[in-house]
Amino acid sequence: MNTKSLLYITTIARERSISAAGKKLGISQPTLSIYLSRLERSLGTDLFIREKKWLIPTPAGKIYLDTASQILEAKDQTYLAIRSLTQELEETVVIGATPLRGAVLVAQIFTQFSKRFPNVRIEIKECYMKDLRTHVIAGDVDFALGSCYDSEEEDVNFVMMYREEVILSAPSFHKLANLAVKCDNRLTPMEISRFSDSPFVLMCQGTSIRAISDSIFLAAKMKPTVVFETNNNLVLSNMIRQGAGVGLIPRSSMADSDNKIVYFSLSPRYYLGLGAIVKKGKVLSEAERYFIYLVMRQDRNNPLYTSAYSACARAIYREFENEG
């Protein structure tokens, strides 16, 4: 399948610049400019408009790019299927992840990973966050993707990638709900002590979000009334929505369109670390490092995450990003 021209156009869209796309593709800017001009003339319409210094797809461009991406994806899947018939697996990497995150990662990362490591099988062991660290220490998984509050632990190393804010969620009929305002993606800041007389629904002991919740209560000199505990963020949000109490959740669990629940930033703010949990003393293989790199690259555009790369994470990112 000759899809070189489709790769040109999707790279221009991804880099938003002909010069940057040319560097990624290893071809000159004039050559790429001529290609784009000829393509637009043959289609009879512009595929990009220039906005300040960036190239932005036009409506016609979006249609073309969507089709091009589907064709490239179909090509990758076809070649992977053919290779799987003729090549034997050399390595299996078992990765621990929470159920939702595990399913999403397989869909987002598997194709790119398999292009580089066609002989490596990826297995996802799904479990709740409170069990991931146990599986890492026991050797049931090669590493796990999860969160932490304290990155310094005796038995595991934490490859820090990003930070995510912990926020307070309350039912829309709570007496303080009218103070919750969202402006430019910012939430109303609120001291946790304002909710000292409210019942709380919390994540179970052993989870990162519970560890940070307990430290928040300790700092505020609060002894909350805990009426419900769970391992599942979705269950927690549903309990809050039904009015069982208020709770602390990662900001990524926030449902923007839900009018039965409101959200506050904490004052002061608190953050969870997001990254890879690795057993002390383990040396990550190239395939494992590459998977972690793909996770970092996948998550870097998430507006709810703030980069907080540890030295190990920076080294992994540079190792593969420099390959272009």
C-alpha atoms as a PDB file:
ATOM      1  CA  MET A   1       0.000   0.000   0.000  1.00  0.00           C
ATOM      2  CA  ASN A   2       1.540   3.303  -1.080  1.00  0.00           C
ATOM      3  CA  THR A   3       0.255   5.812   1.455  1.00  0.00           C
ATOM      4  CA  LYS A   4       3.214   8.214   1.470  1.00  0.00           C
ATOM      5  CA  SER A   5       1.088  11.174   0.329  1.00  0.00           C
ATOM      6  CA  LEU A   6      -1.415  10.534   3.121  1.00  0.00           C
ATOM      7  CA  LEU A   7       1.429  10.523   5.635  1.00  0.00           C
ATOM      8  CA  TYR A   8       2.532  13.920   4.293  1.00  0.00           C
ATOM      9  CA  ILE A   9      -0.854  15.548   4.836  1.00  0.00           C
ATOM     10  CA  THR A  10      -1.462  14.043   8.291  1.00  0.00           C
ATOM     11  CA  THR A  11       2.003  15.101   9.433  1.00  0.00           C
ATOM     12  CA  ILE A  12       1.344  18.679   8.274  1.00  0.00           C
ATOM     13  CA  ALA A  13      -1.891  18.654  10.280  1.00  0.00           C
ATOM     14  CA  ARG A  14      -0.215  17.223  13.382  1.00  0.00           C
ATOM     15  CA  GLU A  15       2.758  19.618  13.308  1.00  0.00           C
ATOM     16  CA  ARG A  16       0.622  22.584  12.122  1.00  0.00           C
ATOM     17  CA  SER A  17       3.616  23.813  10.126  1.00  0.00           C
ATOM     18  CA  ILE A  18       5.115  22.811   6.782  1.00  0.00           C
ATOM     19  CA  SER A  19       8.659  23.396   7.999  1.00  0.00           C
ATOM     20  CA  ALA A  20       8.129  21.306  11.158  1.00  0.00           C
ATOM     21  CA  ALA A  21       6.410  18.564   9.131  1.00  0.00           C
ATOM     22  CA  GLY A  22       9.301  18.556   6.664  1.00  0.00           C
ATOM     23  CA  LYS A  23      11.780  17.971   9.486  1.00  0.00           C
ATOM     24  CA  LYS A  24       9.692  15.077  10.834  1.00  0.00           C
ATOM     25  CA  LEU A  25       9.399  13.523   7.378  1.00  0.00           C
ATOM     26  CA  GLY A  26      12.988  14.187   6.334  1.00  0.00           C
ATOM     27  CA  ILE A  27      12.044  16.188   3.228  1.00  0.00           C
ATOM     28  CA  SER A  28      12.568  19.847   2.351  1.00  0.00           C
ATOM     29  CA  GLN A  29      10.008  22.551   3.048  1.00  0.00           C
ATOM     30  CA  PRO A  30       9.754  23.582  -0.668  1.00  0.00           C
ATOM     31  CA  THR A  31       9.058  19.974  -1.694  1.00  0.00           C
ATOM     32  CA  LEU A  32       6.283  19.663   0.892  1.00  0.00           C
ATOM     33  CA  SER A  33       4.813  23.057  -0.051  1.00  0.00           C
ATOM     34  CA  ILE A  34       4.679  22.028  -3.722  1.00  0.00           C
ATOM     35  CA  TYR A  35       2.999  18.745  -2.789  1.00  0.00           C
ATOM     36  CA  LEU A  36       0.318  20.529  -0.737  1.00  0.00           C
ATOM     37  CA  SER A  37      -0.330  23.121  -3.461  1.00  0.00           C
ATOM     38  CA  ARG A  38      -0.741  20.414  -6.112  1.00  0.00           C
ATOM     39  CA  LEU A  39      -3.068  18.417  -3.890  1.00  0.00           C
ATOM     40  CA  GLU A  40      -5.256  21.446  -3.162  1.00  0.00           C
ATOM     41  CA  ARG A  41      -5.407  22.324  -6.879  1.00  0.00           C
ATOM     42  CA  SER A  42      -6.435  18.769  -7.764  1.00  0.00           C
ATOM     43  CA  LEU A  43      -9.183  18.865  -5.105  1.00  0.00           C
ATOM     44  CA  GLY A  44     -10.285  22.368  -6.064  1.00  0.00           C
ATOM     45  CA  THR A  45     -10.265  23.605  -2.469  1.00  0.00           C
ATOM     46  CA  ASP A  46      -7.920  24.643   0.326  1.00  0.00           C
ATOM     47  CA  LEU A  47      -7.181  22.052   2.986  1.00  0.00           C
ATOM     48  CA  PHE A  48      -5.566  24.503   5.433  1.00  0.00           C
ATOM     49  CA  ILE A  49      -5.817  28.150   6.371  1.00  0.00           C
ATOM     50  CA  ARG A  50      -3.034  30.084   8.049  1.00  0.00           C
ATOM     51  CA  GLU A  51      -3.889  31.420  11.509  1.00  0.00           C
ATOM     52  CA  LYS A  52      -1.015  33.474  12.877  1.00  0.00           C
ATOM     53  CA  LYS A  53       1.944  31.099  12.418  1.00  0.00           C
ATOM     54  CA  TRP A  54      -0.068  27.849  12.376  1.00  0.00           C
ATOM     55  CA  LEU A  55      -1.838  25.886   9.664  1.00  0.00           C
ATOM     56  CA  ILE A  56      -5.439  25.032  10.630  1.00  0.00           C
ATOM     57  CA  PRO A  57      -7.529  22.483   8.656  1.00  0.00           C
ATOM     58  CA  THR A  58     -10.512  23.873   6.737  1.00  0.00           C
ATOM     59  CA  PRO A  59     -13.826  21.952   6.816  1.00  0.00           C
ATOM     60  CA  ALA A  60     -12.730  20.208   3.596  1.00  0.00           C
ATOM     61  CA  GLY A  61      -9.341  19.558   5.164  1.00  0.00           C
ATOM     62  CA  LYS A  62     -10.939  17.890   8.184  1.00  0.00           C
ATOM     63  CA  ILE A  63     -12.865  15.513   5.905  1.00  0.00           C
ATOM     64  CA  TYR A  64      -9.715  14.661   3.936  1.00  0.00           C
ATOM     65  CA  LEU A  65      -7.659  14.172   7.098  1.00  0.00           C
ATOM     66  CA  ASP A  66     -10.276  11.939   8.706  1.00  0.00           C
ATOM     67  CA  THR A  67     -10.293   9.653   5.674  1.00  0.00           C
ATOM     68  CA  ALA A  68      -6.487   9.708   5.428  1.00  0.00           C
ATOM     69  CA  SER A  69      -6.174   8.714   9.091  1.00  0.00           C
ATOM     70  CA  GLN A  70      -8.607   5.830   8.625  1.00  0.00           C
ATOM     71  CA  ILE A  71      -6.655   4.547   5.622  1.00  0.00           C
ATOM     72  CA  LEU A  72      -3.335   4.745   7.477  1.00  0.00           C
ATOM     73  CA  GLU A  73      -4.854   2.964  10.476  1.00  0.00           C
ATOM     74  CA  ALA A  74      -6.240   0.233   8.221  1.00  0.00           C
ATOM     75  CA  LYS A  75      -2.801  -0.189   6.661  1.00  0.00           C
ATOM     76  CA  ASP A  76      -1.140  -0.531  10.059  1.00  0.00           C
ATOM     77  CA  GLN A  77      -3.699  -3.078  11.241  1.00  0.00           C
ATOM     78  CA  THR A  78      -3.338  -5.083   8.023  1.00  0.00           C
ATOM     79  CA  TYR A  79       0.454  -5.246   8.250  1.00  0.00           C
ATOM     80  CA  LEU A  80       0.289  -6.171  11.936  1.00  0.00           C
ATOM     81  CA  ALA A  81      -2.127  -8.988  11.190  1.00  0.00           C
ATOM     82  CA  ILE A  82       0.142 -10.329   8.431  1.00  0.00           C
ATOM     83  CA  ARG A  83       3.260 -10.162  10.622  1.00  0.00           C
ATOM     84  CA  SER A  84       1.472 -11.980  13.438  1.00  0.00           C
ATOM     85  CA  LEU A  85       1.046 -14.972  11.119  1.00  0.00           C
ATOM     86  CA  THR A  86       4.755 -15.255  10.387  1.00  0.00           C
ATOM     87  CA  GLN A  87       6.531 -14.094  13.548  1.00  0.00           C
ATOM     88  CA  GLU A  88       6.790 -15.693  16.960  1.00  0.00           C
ATOM     89  CA  LEU A  89       6.414 -13.714  20.163  1.00  0.00           C
ATOM     90  CA  GLU A  90       9.699 -13.007  21.926  1.00  0.00           C
ATOM     91  CA  GLU A  91       8.463 -11.190  25.038  1.00  0.00           C
ATOM     92  CA  THR A  92       5.284 -10.562  27.011  1.00  0.00           C
ATOM     93  CA  VAL A  93       4.891  -7.344  28.980  1.00  0.00           C
ATOM     94  CA  VAL A  94       2.208  -7.451  31.665  1.00  0.00           C
ATOM     95  CA  ILE A  95       0.972  -3.988  32.685  1.00  0.00           C
ATOM     96  CA  GLY A  96      -1.246  -3.242  35.659  1.00  0.00           C
ATOM     97  CA  ALA A  97      -3.938  -0.594  35.194  1.00  0.00           C
ATOM     98  CA  THR A  98      -7.367   0.339  36.478  1.00  0.00           C
ATOM     99  CA  PRO A  99     -10.223  -1.114  34.363  1.00  0.00           C
ATOM    100  CA  LEU A 100     -11.151   2.066  32.492  1.00  0.00           C
ATOM    101  CA  ARG A 101      -7.591   3.268  31.938  1.00  0.00           C
ATOM    102  CA  GLY A 102      -6.447  -0.179  30.814  1.00  0.00           C
ATOM    103  CA  ALA A 103      -9.094  -0.417  28.102  1.00  0.00           C
ATOM    104  CA  VAL A 104      -8.400   3.112  26.862  1.00  0.00           C
ATOM    105  CA  LEU A 105      -4.623   2.563  26.709  1.00  0.00           C
ATOM    106  CA  VAL A 106      -4.926  -0.607  24.648  1.00  0.00           C
ATOM    107  CA  ALA A 107      -7.043   1.242  22.093  1.00  0.00           C
ATOM    108  CA  GLN A 108      -4.841   4.339  21.968  1.00  0.00           C
ATOM    109  CA  ILE A 109      -1.349   2.881  22.131  1.00  0.00           C
ATOM    110  CA  PHE A 110      -1.372  -0.716  20.896  1.00  0.00           C
ATOM    111  CA  THR A 111      -0.992  -0.041  17.166  1.00  0.00           C
ATOM    112  CA  GLN A 112       1.919   2.363  17.595  1.00  0.00           C
ATOM    113  CA  PHE A 113       3.626   0.045  20.069  1.00  0.00           C
ATOM    114  CA  SER A 114       3.233  -2.995  17.818  1.00  0.00           C
ATOM    115  CA  LYS A 115       4.761  -1.218  14.844  1.00  0.00           C
ATOM    116  CA  ARG A 116       8.012  -0.939  16.785  1.00  0.00           C
ATOM    117  CA  PHE A 117       7.758  -4.224  18.724  1.00  0.00           C
ATOM    118  CA  PRO A 118       5.718  -6.657  16.591  1.00  0.00           C
ATOM    119  CA  ASN A 119       7.058  -9.655  18.547  1.00  0.00           C
ATOM    120  CA  VAL A 120       6.104  -8.334  21.973  1.00  0.00           C
ATOM    121  CA  ARG A 121       2.705  -9.182  23.452  1.00  0.00           C
ATOM    122  CA  ILE A 122       1.036  -6.627  25.725  1.00  0.00           C
ATOM    123  CA  GLU A 123      -1.222  -7.942  28.469  1.00  0.00           C
ATOM    124  CA  ILE A 124      -3.218  -5.611  30.709  1.00  0.00           C
ATOM    125  CA  LYS A 125      -4.009  -6.833  34.227  1.00  0.00           C
ATOM    126  CA  GLU A 126      -6.959  -4.780  35.378  1.00  0.00           C
ATOM    127  CA  CYS A 127      -7.567  -4.086  39.051  1.00  0.00           C
ATOM    128  CA  TYR A 128      -8.377  -1.201  41.332  1.00  0.00           C
ATOM    129  CA  MET A 129      -5.682   1.245  42.341  1.00  0.00           C
ATOM    130  CA  LYS A 130      -5.397  -0.116  45.888  1.00  0.00           C
ATOM    131  CA  ASP A 131      -4.207  -3.483  44.487  1.00  0.00           C
ATOM    132  CA  LEU A 132      -1.810  -2.267  41.786  1.00  0.00           C
ATOM    133  CA  ARG A 133       1.135  -1.667  44.115  1.00  0.00           C
ATOM    134  CA  THR A 134       0.680  -5.168  45.617  1.00  0.00           C
ATOM    135  CA  HIS A 135       0.802  -6.756  42.149  1.00  0.00           C
ATOM    136  CA  VAL A 136       3.970  -4.803  41.281  1.00  0.00           C
ATOM    137  CA  ILE A 137       5.761  -5.957  44.456  1.00  0.00           C
ATOM    138  CA  ALA A 138       4.614  -9.566  43.943  1.00  0.00           C
ATOM    139  CA  GLY A 139       5.892  -9.560  40.354  1.00  0.00           C
ATOM    140  CA  ASP A 140       2.444 -10.284  38.904  1.00  0.00           C
ATOM    141  CA  VAL A 141       2.919  -7.309  36.558  1.00  0.00           C
ATOM    142  CA  ASP A 142       6.064  -5.801  35.033  1.00  0.00           C
ATOM    143  CA  PHE A 143       4.901  -2.318  36.021  1.00  0.00           C
ATOM    144  CA  ALA A 144       1.622  -0.549  36.697  1.00  0.00           C
ATOM    145  CA  LEU A 145       0.086   2.723  35.563  1.00  0.00           C
ATOM    146  CA  GLY A 146      -1.458   4.567  38.457  1.00  0.00           C
ATOM    147  CA  SER A 147      -1.416   7.493  40.819  1.00  0.00           C
ATOM    148  CA  CYS A 148       0.414   8.355  43.998  1.00  0.00           C
ATOM    149  CA  TYR A 149       0.365  10.973  46.717  1.00  0.00           C
ATOM    150  CA  ASP A 150       3.817  10.251  48.144  1.00  0.00           C
ATOM    151  CA  SER A 151       6.234   9.197  45.374  1.00  0.00           C
ATOM    152  CA  GLU A 152       8.848   7.990  47.891  1.00  0.00           C
ATOM    153  CA  GLU A 153       7.973   4.426  48.901  1.00  0.00           C
ATOM    154  CA  GLU A 154      10.137   1.645  50.306  1.00  0.00           C
ATOM    155  CA  ASP A 155       9.263  -1.175  47.888  1.00  0.00           C
ATOM    156  CA  VAL A 156       8.523   0.628  44.609  1.00  0.00           C
ATOM    157  CA  ASN A 157       9.798   3.447  42.442  1.00  0.00           C
ATOM    158  CA  PHE A 158       7.345   5.901  40.929  1.00  0.00           C
ATOM    159  CA  VAL A 159       8.130   7.207  37.441  1.00  0.00           C
ATOM    160  CA  MET A 160       6.303  10.535  37.750  1.00  0.00           C
ATOM    161  CA  MET A 161       4.767  11.837  34.526  1.00  0.00           C
ATOM    162  CA  TYR A 162       1.964  14.283  35.338  1.00  0.00           C
ATOM    163  CA  ARG A 163       0.032  15.919  38.171  1.00  0.00           C
ATOM    164  CA  GLU A 164      -3.748  16.029  38.434  1.00  0.00           C
ATOM    165  CA  GLU A 165      -5.725  18.305  40.735  1.00  0.00           C
ATOM    166  CA  VAL A 166      -7.909  16.815  43.450  1.00  0.00           C
ATOM    167  CA  ILE A 167     -11.244  18.639  43.685  1.00  0.00           C
ATOM    168  CA  LEU A 168     -14.315  18.561  45.928  1.00  0.00           C
ATOM    169  CA  SER A 169     -17.625  17.383  44.511  1.00  0.00           C
ATOM    170  CA  ALA A 170     -21.053  18.048  46.048  1.00  0.00           C
ATOM    171  CA  PRO A 171     -24.690  17.443  45.085  1.00  0.00           C
ATOM    172  CA  SER A 172     -26.338  20.418  43.383  1.00  0.00           C
ATOM    173  CA  PHE A 173     -28.753  20.934  46.303  1.00  0.00           C
ATOM    174  CA  HIS A 174     -25.960  21.297  48.867  1.00  0.00           C
ATOM    175  CA  LYS A 175     -26.198  24.564  50.817  1.00  0.00           C
ATOM    176  CA  LEU A 176     -22.882  25.781  49.311  1.00  0.00           C
ATOM    177  CA  ALA A 177     -23.621  24.640  45.751  1.00  0.00           C
ATOM    178  CA  ASN A 178     -24.674  28.120  44.630  1.00  0.00           C
ATOM    179  CA  LEU A 179     -21.084  29.289  45.213  1.00  0.00           C
ATOM    180  CA  ALA A 180     -19.692  26.864  42.627  1.00  0.00           C
ATOM    181  CA  VAL A 181     -18.767  28.746  39.457  1.00  0.00           C
ATOM    182  CA  LYS A 182     -16.676  27.550  36.531  1.00  0.00           C
ATOM    183  CA  CYS A 183     -14.894  30.292  34.577  1.00  0.00           C
ATOM    184  CA  ASP A 184     -12.281  29.623  31.857  1.00  0.00           C
ATOM    185  CA  ASN A 185     -11.914  26.056  33.146  1.00  0.00           C
ATOM    186  CA  ARG A 186     -11.217  27.369  36.669  1.00  0.00           C
ATOM    187  CA  LEU A 187     -13.335  26.302  39.620  1.00  0.00           C
ATOM    188  CA  THR A 188     -14.359  28.320  42.662  1.00  0.00           C
ATOM    189  CA  PRO A 189     -11.733  27.799  45.395  1.00  0.00           C
ATOM    190  CA  MET A 190     -13.125  26.621  48.728  1.00  0.00           C
ATOM    191  CA  GLU A 191     -11.613  25.622  52.061  1.00  0.00           C
ATOM    192  CA  ILE A 192     -12.428  22.044  53.004  1.00  0.00           C
ATOM    193  CA  SER A 193     -13.419  23.218  56.492  1.00  0.00           C
ATOM    194  CA  ARG A 194     -16.548  24.818  54.987  1.00  0.00           C
ATOM    195  CA  PHE A 195     -17.844  21.254  54.548  1.00  0.00           C
ATOM    196  CA  SER A 196     -17.003  20.046  58.061  1.00  0.00           C
ATOM    197  CA  ASP A 197     -20.681  19.450  58.895  1.00  0.00           C
ATOM    198  CA  SER A 198     -21.376  17.513  55.665  1.00  0.00           C
ATOM    199  CA  PRO A 199     -21.266  13.697  55.379  1.00  0.00           C
ATOM    200  CA  PHE A 200     -18.456  12.413  53.145  1.00  0.00           C
ATOM    201  CA  VAL A 201     -18.297   9.554  50.652  1.00  0.00           C
ATOM    202  CA  LEU A 202     -14.675   8.566  50.053  1.00  0.00           C
ATOM    203  CA  MET A 203     -12.425   6.158  48.221  1.00  0.00           C
ATOM    204  CA  CYS A 204     -11.285   3.157  50.277  1.00  0.00           C
ATOM    205  CA  GLN A 205      -8.146   3.002  52.384  1.00  0.00           C
ATOM    206  CA  GLY A 206      -5.136   1.969  50.320  1.00  0.00           C
ATOM    207  CA  THR A 207      -5.974   4.173  47.329  1.00  0.00           C
ATOM    208  CA  SER A 208      -3.941   7.253  46.419  1.00  0.00           C
ATOM    209  CA  ILE A 209      -6.991   9.510  46.463  1.00  0.00           C
ATOM    210  CA  ARG A 210      -7.837   8.311  49.993  1.00  0.00           C
ATOM    211  CA  ALA A 211      -4.271   8.939  51.182  1.00  0.00           C
ATOM    212  CA  ILE A 212      -4.397  12.515  49.953  1.00  0.00           C
ATOM    213  CA  SER A 213      -7.961  12.931  51.322  1.00  0.00           C
ATOM    214  CA  ASP A 214      -6.806  11.917  54.797  1.00  0.00           C
ATOM    215  CA  SER A 215      -3.901  14.359  54.619  1.00  0.00           C
ATOM    216  CA  ILE A 216      -6.280  17.146  53.586  1.00  0.00           C
ATOM    217  CA  PHE A 217      -8.515  16.436  56.579  1.00  0.00           C
ATOM    218  CA  LEU A 218      -5.498  16.283  58.882  1.00  0.00           C
ATOM    219  CA  ALA A 219      -4.193  19.637  57.654  1.00  0.00           C
ATOM    220  CA  ALA A 220      -7.645  21.175  58.184  1.00  0.00           C
ATOM    221  CA  LYS A 221      -7.954  19.523  61.640  1.00  0.00           C
ATOM    222  CA  MET A 222     -11.164  17.844  60.513  1.00  0.00           C
ATOM    223  CA  LYS A 223     -12.697  14.525  61.509  1.00  0.00           C
ATOM    224  CA  PRO A 224     -15.206  13.961  58.695  1.00  0.00           C
ATOM    225  CA  THR A 225     -18.268  11.782  59.034  1.00  0.00           C
ATOM    226  CA  VAL A 226     -17.649   9.054  56.435  1.00  0.00           C
ATOM    227  CA  VAL A 227     -20.908   7.400  55.366  1.00  0.00           C
ATOM    228  CA  PHE A 228     -19.688   5.362  52.381  1.00  0.00           C
ATOM    229  CA  GLU A 229     -16.413   4.020  50.930  1.00  0.00           C
ATOM    230  CA  THR A 230     -15.690   2.489  47.518  1.00  0.00           C
ATOM    231  CA  ASN A 231     -12.852   1.495  45.203  1.00  0.00           C
ATOM    232  CA  ASN A 232     -14.600   2.883  42.129  1.00  0.00           C
ATOM    233  CA  ASN A 233     -14.572   6.560  41.101  1.00  0.00           C
ATOM    234  CA  LEU A 234     -17.785   6.140  39.086  1.00  0.00           C
ATOM    235  CA  VAL A 235     -19.611   4.695  42.086  1.00  0.00           C
ATOM    236  CA  LEU A 236     -18.288   7.540  44.225  1.00  0.00           C
ATOM    237  CA  SER A 237     -19.580  10.180  41.789  1.00  0.00           C
ATOM    238  CA  ASN A 238     -22.970   8.467  41.588  1.00  0.00           C
ATOM    239  CA  MET A 239     -23.271   8.439  45.388  1.00  0.00           C
ATOM    240  CA  ILE A 240     -22.519  12.184  45.469  1.00  0.00           C
ATOM    241  CA  ARG A 241     -25.008  12.784  42.667  1.00  0.00           C
ATOM    242  CA  GLN A 242     -27.701  10.969  44.646  1.00  0.00           C
ATOM    243  CA  GLY A 243     -27.033  13.175  47.655  1.00  0.00           C
ATOM    244  CA  ALA A 244     -25.293  10.686  49.945  1.00  0.00           C
ATOM    245  CA  GLY A 245     -22.608  13.233  50.745  1.00  0.00           C
ATOM    246  CA  VAL A 246     -19.707  15.242  49.364  1.00  0.00           C
ATOM    247  CA  GLY A 247     -16.412  13.747  48.221  1.00  0.00           C
ATOM    248  CA  LEU A 248     -12.913  14.284  46.881  1.00  0.00           C
ATOM    249  CA  ILE A 249     -12.189  13.115  43.334  1.00  0.00           C
ATOM    250  CA  PRO A 250      -9.524  13.515  40.631  1.00  0.00           C
ATOM    251  CA  ARG A 251     -10.421  16.339  38.292  1.00  0.00           C
ATOM    252  CA  SER A 252     -10.562  13.932  35.327  1.00  0.00           C
ATOM    253  CA  SER A 253     -13.640  12.348  36.971  1.00  0.00           C
ATOM    254  CA  MET A 254     -15.562  15.621  36.710  1.00  0.00           C
ATOM    255  CA  ALA A 255     -18.675  15.506  34.476  1.00  0.00           C
ATOM    256  CA  ASP A 256     -19.077  18.939  32.888  1.00  0.00           C
ATOM    257  CA  SER A 257     -22.627  18.449  31.628  1.00  0.00           C
ATOM    258  CA  ASP A 258     -24.077  16.993  34.838  1.00  0.00           C
ATOM    259  CA  ASN A 259     -26.471  19.468  36.509  1.00  0.00           C
ATOM    260  CA  LYS A 260     -26.924  17.265  39.594  1.00  0.00           C
ATOM    261  CA  ILE A 261     -23.390  17.789  40.858  1.00  0.00           C
ATOM    262  CA  VAL A 262     -21.082  20.782  41.422  1.00  0.00           C
ATOM    263  CA  TYR A 263     -17.326  21.107  41.869  1.00  0.00           C
ATOM    264  CA  PHE A 264     -14.875  23.245  43.829  1.00  0.00           C
ATOM    265  CA  SER A 265     -11.113  23.661  43.795  1.00  0.00           C
ATOM    266  CA  LEU A 266      -9.597  23.231  47.227  1.00  0.00           C
ATOM    267  CA  SER A 267      -7.835  26.101  48.915  1.00  0.00           C
ATOM    268  CA  PRO A 268      -4.965  25.346  49.109  1.00  0.00           C
ATOM    269  CA  ARG A 269      -4.866  23.078  46.081  1.00  0.00           C
ATOM    270  CA  TYR A 270      -3.775  19.453  46.234  1.00  0.00           C
ATOM    271  CA  TYR A 271      -2.490  17.209  43.447  1.00  0.00           C
ATOM    272  CA  LEU A 272      -2.068  13.509  42.716  1.00  0.00           C
ATOM    273  CA  GLY A 273       0.977  12.256  40.858  1.00  0.00           C
ATOM    274  CA  LEU A 274       0.340  10.160  37.744  1.00  0.00           C
ATOM    275  CA  GLY A 275       2.901   7.738  36.365  1.00  0.00           C
ATOM    276  CA  ALA A 276       4.317   4.224  36.333  1.00  0.00           C
ATOM    277  CA  ILE A 277       4.817   2.099  39.448  1.00  0.00           C
ATOM    278  CA  VAL A 278       7.953  -0.078  39.173  1.00  0.00           C
ATOM    279  CA  LYS A 279       9.351  -2.575  41.686  1.00  0.00           C
ATOM    280  CA  LYS A 280      12.516  -1.386  43.416  1.00  0.00           C
ATOM    281  CA  GLY A 281      15.602  -2.647  41.602  1.00  0.00           C
ATOM    282  CA  LYS A 282      13.808  -3.593  38.364  1.00  0.00           C
ATOM    283  CA  VAL A 283      15.466  -2.494  35.125  1.00  0.00           C
ATOM    284  CA  LEU A 284      12.864  -1.635  32.497  1.00  0.00           C
ATOM    285  CA  SER A 285      13.304  -3.305  29.101  1.00  0.00           C
ATOM    286  CA  GLU A 286      13.315  -1.254  25.905  1.00  0.00           C
ATOM    287  CA  ALA A 287       9.765  -2.397  25.141  1.00  0.00           C
ATOM    288  CA  GLU A 288       8.579  -1.378  28.625  1.00  0.00           C
ATOM    289  CA  ARG A 289      10.288   2.009  28.350  1.00  0.00           C
ATOM    290  CA  TYR A 290       8.716   2.566  24.943  1.00  0.00           C
ATOM    291  CA  PHE A 291       5.235   1.799  26.267  1.00  0.00           C
ATOM    292  CA  ILE A 292       5.772   4.318  29.077  1.00  0.00           C
ATOM    293  CA  TYR A 293       6.943   6.853  26.478  1.00  0.00           C
ATOM    294  CA  LEU A 294       3.754   6.329  24.461  1.00  0.00           C
ATOM    295  CA  VAL A 295       1.673   6.884  27.612  1.00  0.00           C
ATOM    296  CA  MET A 296       3.491  10.173  28.257  1.00  0.00           C
ATOM    297  CA  ARG A 297       3.014  11.264  24.664  1.00  0.00           C
ATOM    298  CA  GLN A 298      -0.664  10.292  24.722  1.00  0.00           C
ATOM    299  CA  ASP A 299      -1.357  12.198  27.932  1.00  0.00           C
ATOM    300  CA  ARG A 300       0.646  15.357  27.207  1.00  0.00           C
ATOM    301  CA  ASN A 301      -2.316  17.033  25.452  1.00  0.00           C
ATOM    302  CA  ASN A 302      -4.726  16.361  28.317  1.00  0.00           C
ATOM    303  CA  PRO A 303      -5.674  19.838  29.605  1.00  0.00           C
ATOM    304  CA  LEU A 304      -6.304  18.446  33.095  1.00  0.00           C
ATOM    305  CA  TYR A 305      -2.732  17.188  33.494  1.00  0.00           C
ATOM    306  CA  THR A 306       0.348  19.248  34.339  1.00  0.00           C
ATOM    307  CA  SER A 307       3.777  17.924  33.333  1.00  0.00           C
ATOM    308  CA  ALA A 308       5.862  16.828  36.311  1.00  0.00           C
ATOM    309  CA  TYR A 309       8.425  14.481  34.764  1.00  0.00           C
ATOM    310  CA  SER A 310      10.793  12.765  37.148  1.00  0.00           C
ATOM    311  CA  ALA A 311      14.423  12.266  36.077  1.00  0.00           C
ATOM    312  CA  CYS A 312      13.572   8.729  34.916  1.00  0.00           C
ATOM    313  CA  ALA A 313      10.540   9.924  32.933  1.00  0.00           C
ATOM    314  CA  ARG A 314      12.590  12.673  31.260  1.00  0.00           C
ATOM    315  CA  ALA A 315      15.255  10.140  30.266  1.00  0.00           C
ATOM    316  CA  ILE A 316      12.648   7.789  28.765  1.00  0.00           C
ATOM    317  CA  TYR A 317      10.975  10.609  26.855  1.00  0.00           C
ATOM    318  CA  ARG A 318      14.269  11.872  25.411  1.00  0.00           C
ATOM    319  CA  GLU A 319      15.334   8.327  24.460  1.00  0.00           C
ATOM    320  CA  PHE A 320      12.476   7.909  21.988  1.00  0.00           C
ATOM    321  CA  GLU A 321      11.426  11.471  21.128  1.00  0.00           C
ATOM    322  CA  ASN A 322      14.897  12.237  19.759  1.00  0.00           C
ATOM    323  CA  GLU A 323      14.402   9.519  17.178  1.00  0.00           C
ATOM    324  CA  GLY A 324      11.895  11.824  15.487  1.00  0.00           C
END
